[in-house]
N, C-alpha and C. Protein backbone atom coordinates (compact mmCIF):
# COMPACT_ATOMS: atom_id res chain seq x y z
N GLN A 1 -26.12 -41.05 26.45
CA GLN A 1 -27.16 -41.71 25.69
C GLN A 1 -28.28 -42.18 26.59
N VAL A 2 -29.45 -42.32 26.00
CA VAL A 2 -30.63 -42.76 26.73
C VAL A 2 -31.14 -44.05 26.10
N GLN A 3 -31.49 -44.97 26.95
CA GLN A 3 -32.09 -46.22 26.49
C GLN A 3 -33.47 -46.38 27.08
N LEU A 4 -34.40 -46.85 26.26
CA LEU A 4 -35.74 -47.20 26.71
C LEU A 4 -35.93 -48.69 26.47
N VAL A 5 -36.27 -49.39 27.53
CA VAL A 5 -36.48 -50.83 27.44
C VAL A 5 -37.94 -51.12 27.76
N GLU A 6 -38.63 -51.68 26.77
CA GLU A 6 -40.05 -51.98 26.90
C GLU A 6 -40.25 -53.47 27.15
N SER A 7 -41.33 -53.79 27.85
CA SER A 7 -41.68 -55.19 28.08
C SER A 7 -43.18 -55.30 28.28
N GLY A 8 -43.68 -56.51 28.12
CA GLY A 8 -45.07 -56.78 28.46
C GLY A 8 -46.01 -57.01 27.30
N GLY A 9 -45.56 -56.88 26.08
CA GLY A 9 -46.46 -57.13 24.96
C GLY A 9 -46.76 -58.61 24.82
N GLY A 10 -47.66 -58.93 23.90
CA GLY A 10 -47.98 -60.33 23.67
C GLY A 10 -49.31 -60.50 22.98
N LEU A 11 -49.79 -61.73 23.04
CA LEU A 11 -51.06 -62.10 22.41
C LEU A 11 -52.10 -62.33 23.49
N VAL A 12 -53.27 -61.74 23.30
CA VAL A 12 -54.34 -61.88 24.28
C VAL A 12 -55.67 -61.92 23.56
N GLN A 13 -56.64 -62.57 24.15
CA GLN A 13 -57.97 -62.59 23.56
C GLN A 13 -58.72 -61.31 23.88
N ALA A 14 -59.67 -61.00 23.03
CA ALA A 14 -60.49 -59.82 23.26
C ALA A 14 -61.13 -59.90 24.65
N GLY A 15 -61.13 -58.76 25.33
CA GLY A 15 -61.64 -58.70 26.68
C GLY A 15 -60.59 -58.91 27.74
N GLY A 16 -59.42 -59.34 27.33
CA GLY A 16 -58.34 -59.62 28.26
C GLY A 16 -57.55 -58.37 28.62
N SER A 17 -56.46 -58.59 29.37
CA SER A 17 -55.63 -57.49 29.86
C SER A 17 -54.16 -57.76 29.59
N LEU A 18 -53.43 -56.68 29.43
CA LEU A 18 -51.97 -56.72 29.35
C LEU A 18 -51.42 -55.50 30.07
N ARG A 19 -50.20 -55.63 30.53
CA ARG A 19 -49.53 -54.49 31.16
C ARG A 19 -48.19 -54.29 30.49
N LEU A 20 -47.97 -53.10 29.98
CA LEU A 20 -46.71 -52.73 29.35
C LEU A 20 -45.88 -51.92 30.34
N SER A 21 -44.58 -52.14 30.28
CA SER A 21 -43.66 -51.37 31.12
C SER A 21 -42.53 -50.82 30.27
N CYS A 22 -42.03 -49.67 30.67
CA CYS A 22 -40.91 -49.04 29.98
C CYS A 22 -40.00 -48.43 31.02
N ALA A 23 -38.71 -48.74 30.91
CA ALA A 23 -37.72 -48.20 31.83
C ALA A 23 -36.70 -47.37 31.05
N ALA A 24 -36.48 -46.16 31.50
CA ALA A 24 -35.51 -45.27 30.86
C ALA A 24 -34.24 -45.24 31.68
N SER A 25 -33.10 -45.27 30.99
CA SER A 25 -31.82 -45.19 31.68
C SER A 25 -30.86 -44.34 30.86
N GLY A 26 -29.82 -43.84 31.52
CA GLY A 26 -28.83 -43.02 30.85
C GLY A 26 -28.58 -41.73 31.62
N SER A 27 -27.96 -40.79 30.95
CA SER A 27 -27.58 -39.52 31.58
C SER A 27 -28.76 -38.55 31.59
N ILE A 28 -29.75 -38.90 32.39
CA ILE A 28 -31.01 -38.16 32.42
C ILE A 28 -31.06 -37.28 33.66
N PHE A 29 -31.31 -35.99 33.46
CA PHE A 29 -31.54 -35.11 34.61
C PHE A 29 -32.95 -35.32 35.15
N SER A 30 -33.90 -35.28 34.22
CA SER A 30 -35.30 -35.46 34.58
C SER A 30 -36.09 -35.78 33.32
N ILE A 31 -37.28 -36.30 33.51
CA ILE A 31 -38.15 -36.64 32.38
C ILE A 31 -39.43 -35.85 32.52
N ASN A 32 -39.72 -35.04 31.53
CA ASN A 32 -40.93 -34.22 31.58
C ASN A 32 -42.16 -35.06 31.28
N VAL A 33 -42.21 -35.61 30.10
CA VAL A 33 -43.38 -36.38 29.67
C VAL A 33 -42.95 -37.80 29.34
N MET A 34 -43.74 -38.76 29.79
CA MET A 34 -43.58 -40.16 29.41
C MET A 34 -44.89 -40.61 28.79
N GLY A 35 -44.81 -41.41 27.74
CA GLY A 35 -46.04 -41.81 27.10
C GLY A 35 -45.91 -43.07 26.28
N TRP A 36 -47.05 -43.49 25.80
CA TRP A 36 -47.14 -44.66 24.93
C TRP A 36 -47.87 -44.27 23.65
N TYR A 37 -47.33 -44.71 22.55
CA TYR A 37 -47.96 -44.55 21.24
C TYR A 37 -48.12 -45.94 20.62
N ARG A 38 -48.97 -46.04 19.64
CA ARG A 38 -49.12 -47.31 18.95
C ARG A 38 -49.28 -47.08 17.46
N GLN A 39 -48.92 -48.11 16.72
CA GLN A 39 -49.05 -48.05 15.27
C GLN A 39 -49.57 -49.39 14.76
N ALA A 40 -50.72 -49.35 14.15
CA ALA A 40 -51.29 -50.53 13.52
C ALA A 40 -50.84 -50.59 12.07
N PRO A 41 -50.84 -51.77 11.47
CA PRO A 41 -50.41 -51.89 10.07
C PRO A 41 -51.21 -50.97 9.16
N GLY A 42 -50.49 -50.20 8.36
CA GLY A 42 -51.14 -49.31 7.41
C GLY A 42 -51.71 -48.05 7.99
N LYS A 43 -51.46 -47.82 9.28
CA LYS A 43 -52.00 -46.63 9.93
C LYS A 43 -50.88 -45.79 10.52
N GLN A 44 -51.20 -44.53 10.81
CA GLN A 44 -50.21 -43.64 11.42
C GLN A 44 -50.06 -43.95 12.91
N ARG A 45 -48.91 -43.62 13.42
CA ARG A 45 -48.67 -43.77 14.85
C ARG A 45 -49.57 -42.79 15.59
N GLU A 46 -50.19 -43.26 16.67
CA GLU A 46 -51.11 -42.41 17.42
C GLU A 46 -50.82 -42.47 18.91
N LEU A 47 -51.19 -41.40 19.59
CA LEU A 47 -51.02 -41.35 21.03
C LEU A 47 -51.99 -42.30 21.71
N VAL A 48 -51.47 -43.08 22.65
CA VAL A 48 -52.32 -43.91 23.49
C VAL A 48 -52.55 -43.20 24.82
N ALA A 49 -51.45 -42.81 25.46
CA ALA A 49 -51.56 -42.12 26.74
C ALA A 49 -50.23 -41.45 27.06
N SER A 50 -50.30 -40.36 27.79
CA SER A 50 -49.09 -39.69 28.24
C SER A 50 -49.30 -39.16 29.65
N ILE A 51 -48.18 -38.96 30.35
CA ILE A 51 -48.25 -38.47 31.72
C ILE A 51 -47.04 -37.58 31.97
N THR A 52 -47.28 -36.43 32.57
CA THR A 52 -46.19 -35.51 32.88
C THR A 52 -45.58 -35.86 34.22
N SER A 53 -44.48 -35.22 34.53
CA SER A 53 -43.82 -35.45 35.82
C SER A 53 -44.70 -35.00 36.97
N GLY A 54 -45.60 -34.09 36.69
CA GLY A 54 -46.52 -33.62 37.72
C GLY A 54 -47.79 -34.43 37.82
N GLY A 55 -47.91 -35.45 36.95
CA GLY A 55 -49.06 -36.33 37.03
C GLY A 55 -50.22 -35.99 36.11
N ARG A 56 -50.03 -35.02 35.22
CA ARG A 56 -51.10 -34.68 34.28
C ARG A 56 -51.17 -35.75 33.20
N ILE A 57 -52.35 -36.29 32.99
CA ILE A 57 -52.53 -37.43 32.10
C ILE A 57 -53.41 -37.07 30.91
N ASN A 58 -53.04 -37.63 29.77
CA ASN A 58 -53.82 -37.46 28.55
C ASN A 58 -53.99 -38.84 27.90
N TYR A 59 -55.24 -39.18 27.54
CA TYR A 59 -55.52 -40.45 26.89
C TYR A 59 -56.07 -40.22 25.50
N GLY A 60 -55.73 -41.13 24.59
CA GLY A 60 -56.40 -41.14 23.30
C GLY A 60 -57.86 -41.50 23.50
N ASP A 61 -58.71 -40.96 22.65
CA ASP A 61 -60.15 -41.16 22.83
C ASP A 61 -60.54 -42.63 22.82
N SER A 62 -59.87 -43.44 22.02
CA SER A 62 -60.28 -44.83 21.87
C SER A 62 -59.94 -45.71 23.06
N VAL A 63 -59.11 -45.22 23.97
CA VAL A 63 -58.69 -46.05 25.10
C VAL A 63 -59.21 -45.53 26.44
N LYS A 64 -59.87 -44.39 26.43
CA LYS A 64 -60.36 -43.81 27.68
C LYS A 64 -61.30 -44.78 28.39
N GLY A 65 -61.07 -44.94 29.69
CA GLY A 65 -61.90 -45.85 30.48
C GLY A 65 -61.42 -47.28 30.47
N ARG A 66 -60.47 -47.60 29.60
CA ARG A 66 -59.97 -48.99 29.53
C ARG A 66 -58.49 -49.10 29.89
N PHE A 67 -57.73 -48.08 29.54
CA PHE A 67 -56.29 -48.09 29.79
C PHE A 67 -55.95 -47.11 30.93
N THR A 68 -54.90 -47.45 31.67
CA THR A 68 -54.43 -46.58 32.74
C THR A 68 -52.91 -46.45 32.66
N ILE A 69 -52.45 -45.22 32.60
CA ILE A 69 -51.01 -44.98 32.58
C ILE A 69 -50.54 -44.54 33.96
N SER A 70 -49.34 -44.96 34.31
CA SER A 70 -48.75 -44.56 35.59
C SER A 70 -47.24 -44.47 35.42
N ARG A 71 -46.60 -43.74 36.30
CA ARG A 71 -45.15 -43.61 36.23
C ARG A 71 -44.55 -43.55 37.62
N ASP A 72 -43.28 -43.93 37.67
CA ASP A 72 -42.51 -43.83 38.91
C ASP A 72 -41.36 -42.88 38.60
N ASN A 73 -41.44 -41.66 39.09
CA ASN A 73 -40.42 -40.66 38.78
C ASN A 73 -39.04 -41.04 39.32
N ALA A 74 -39.02 -41.71 40.44
CA ALA A 74 -37.74 -42.09 41.05
C ALA A 74 -37.03 -43.16 40.23
N LYS A 75 -37.81 -44.01 39.59
CA LYS A 75 -37.23 -45.12 38.82
C LYS A 75 -37.19 -44.85 37.32
N ASN A 76 -37.77 -43.73 36.89
CA ASN A 76 -37.87 -43.41 35.45
C ASN A 76 -38.58 -44.51 34.68
N THR A 77 -39.68 -44.95 35.21
CA THR A 77 -40.46 -45.98 34.54
C THR A 77 -41.88 -45.49 34.28
N VAL A 78 -42.47 -46.05 33.25
CA VAL A 78 -43.87 -45.75 32.93
C VAL A 78 -44.54 -47.07 32.55
N ASP A 79 -45.73 -47.27 33.08
CA ASP A 79 -46.50 -48.47 32.82
C ASP A 79 -47.82 -48.12 32.14
N LEU A 80 -48.31 -49.09 31.40
CA LEU A 80 -49.62 -48.93 30.76
C LEU A 80 -50.43 -50.19 31.04
N GLN A 81 -51.45 -50.04 31.86
CA GLN A 81 -52.35 -51.15 32.15
C GLN A 81 -53.49 -51.11 31.12
N MET A 82 -53.63 -52.19 30.38
CA MET A 82 -54.62 -52.22 29.31
C MET A 82 -55.67 -53.29 29.64
N ASN A 83 -56.88 -52.85 29.85
CA ASN A 83 -57.98 -53.75 30.16
C ASN A 83 -59.03 -53.71 29.05
N SER A 84 -59.89 -54.71 29.06
CA SER A 84 -60.98 -54.79 28.06
C SER A 84 -60.44 -54.60 26.65
N LEU A 85 -59.39 -55.31 26.35
CA LEU A 85 -58.73 -55.13 25.06
C LEU A 85 -59.63 -55.56 23.91
N LYS A 86 -59.48 -54.85 22.81
CA LYS A 86 -60.25 -55.09 21.60
C LYS A 86 -59.31 -55.42 20.44
N PRO A 87 -59.79 -56.12 19.44
CA PRO A 87 -58.92 -56.41 18.28
C PRO A 87 -58.32 -55.14 17.67
N GLU A 88 -59.05 -54.05 17.71
CA GLU A 88 -58.53 -52.80 17.14
C GLU A 88 -57.41 -52.18 17.98
N ASP A 89 -57.12 -52.75 19.14
CA ASP A 89 -55.97 -52.29 19.93
C ASP A 89 -54.68 -52.94 19.45
N THR A 90 -54.78 -53.85 18.51
CA THR A 90 -53.60 -54.52 17.98
C THR A 90 -52.66 -53.54 17.31
N GLY A 91 -51.36 -53.71 17.57
CA GLY A 91 -50.37 -52.86 16.96
C GLY A 91 -49.05 -52.95 17.70
N VAL A 92 -48.09 -52.18 17.23
CA VAL A 92 -46.82 -52.07 17.92
C VAL A 92 -46.90 -50.85 18.85
N TYR A 93 -46.62 -51.07 20.09
CA TYR A 93 -46.69 -50.02 21.10
C TYR A 93 -45.28 -49.51 21.41
N TYR A 94 -45.13 -48.19 21.37
CA TYR A 94 -43.84 -47.55 21.55
C TYR A 94 -43.85 -46.66 22.79
N CYS A 95 -42.83 -46.81 23.58
CA CYS A 95 -42.62 -45.90 24.70
C CYS A 95 -41.95 -44.63 24.17
N ASN A 96 -42.31 -43.50 24.73
CA ASN A 96 -41.76 -42.22 24.29
C ASN A 96 -41.54 -41.31 25.49
N ILE A 97 -40.39 -40.62 25.50
CA ILE A 97 -40.14 -39.68 26.60
C ILE A 97 -39.55 -38.38 26.08
N TYR A 98 -39.83 -37.31 26.81
CA TYR A 98 -39.13 -36.04 26.64
C TYR A 98 -38.28 -35.87 27.89
N ALA A 99 -36.95 -35.97 27.69
CA ALA A 99 -36.05 -35.99 28.82
C ALA A 99 -35.05 -34.85 28.76
N TRP A 100 -34.71 -34.33 29.95
CA TRP A 100 -33.68 -33.31 30.06
C TRP A 100 -32.35 -34.00 30.29
N LEU A 101 -31.39 -33.72 29.38
CA LEU A 101 -30.03 -34.23 29.48
C LEU A 101 -29.08 -33.05 29.60
N PRO A 102 -27.78 -33.30 29.76
CA PRO A 102 -26.84 -32.18 29.84
C PRO A 102 -26.93 -31.21 28.66
N GLY A 103 -27.29 -31.68 27.45
CA GLY A 103 -27.36 -30.81 26.30
C GLY A 103 -28.69 -30.16 26.04
N GLY A 104 -29.69 -30.45 26.86
CA GLY A 104 -31.01 -29.90 26.66
C GLY A 104 -32.07 -30.98 26.66
N GLU A 105 -33.28 -30.60 26.20
CA GLU A 105 -34.38 -31.56 26.18
C GLU A 105 -34.38 -32.33 24.88
N HIS A 106 -34.58 -33.64 24.99
CA HIS A 106 -34.58 -34.50 23.82
C HIS A 106 -35.77 -35.45 23.88
N ASN A 107 -36.15 -35.93 22.71
CA ASN A 107 -37.24 -36.89 22.58
C ASN A 107 -36.67 -38.25 22.19
N TYR A 108 -37.13 -39.29 22.88
CA TYR A 108 -36.62 -40.63 22.61
C TYR A 108 -37.78 -41.62 22.44
N TRP A 109 -37.52 -42.62 21.60
CA TRP A 109 -38.48 -43.69 21.36
C TRP A 109 -37.90 -45.04 21.74
N GLY A 110 -38.74 -45.91 22.26
CA GLY A 110 -38.34 -47.28 22.49
C GLY A 110 -38.40 -48.07 21.19
N GLN A 111 -38.00 -49.33 21.26
CA GLN A 111 -37.93 -50.15 20.06
C GLN A 111 -39.30 -50.70 19.65
N GLY A 112 -40.26 -50.64 20.55
CA GLY A 112 -41.60 -51.12 20.25
C GLY A 112 -41.84 -52.53 20.74
N THR A 113 -43.06 -52.77 21.17
CA THR A 113 -43.45 -54.11 21.61
C THR A 113 -44.81 -54.43 20.97
N GLN A 114 -44.93 -55.64 20.46
CA GLN A 114 -46.13 -56.03 19.73
C GLN A 114 -47.24 -56.43 20.69
N VAL A 115 -48.42 -55.89 20.45
CA VAL A 115 -49.63 -56.28 21.15
C VAL A 115 -50.62 -56.79 20.11
N THR A 116 -51.06 -58.02 20.30
CA THR A 116 -52.03 -58.62 19.37
C THR A 116 -53.25 -59.09 20.15
N VAL A 117 -54.41 -58.59 19.75
CA VAL A 117 -55.66 -58.95 20.41
C VAL A 117 -56.49 -59.75 19.42
N SER A 118 -56.76 -60.99 19.77
CA SER A 118 -57.54 -61.85 18.88
C SER A 118 -59.02 -61.78 19.21
N SER A 119 -59.83 -61.93 18.18
CA SER A 119 -61.29 -61.85 18.39
C SER A 119 -61.89 -63.18 18.76
């Protein structure tokens, strides 16, 4: 089994910063893609940022220039540094990974961490 443990959410004023962290553990051979998604009330879950094991990064259009994703392949962790936060960044942020296990590649989600940006 694979577990994803997220941390770092909270309440911040507009213009502030937060850093989210996610640690993956379990019977993992390797992790191809690690990423963060978010879901605001009444909206679909959307990609915030993703990073491959080779360092290829993809950002959602609304966060480009403000958020930075990074990962530590040795520790199976992924972080999301969020700067210049806006009220529209409010939502539940989910860690997501595509990991190789003994049975093949699987997709896993974290439990989610709330980020609230006040105006």
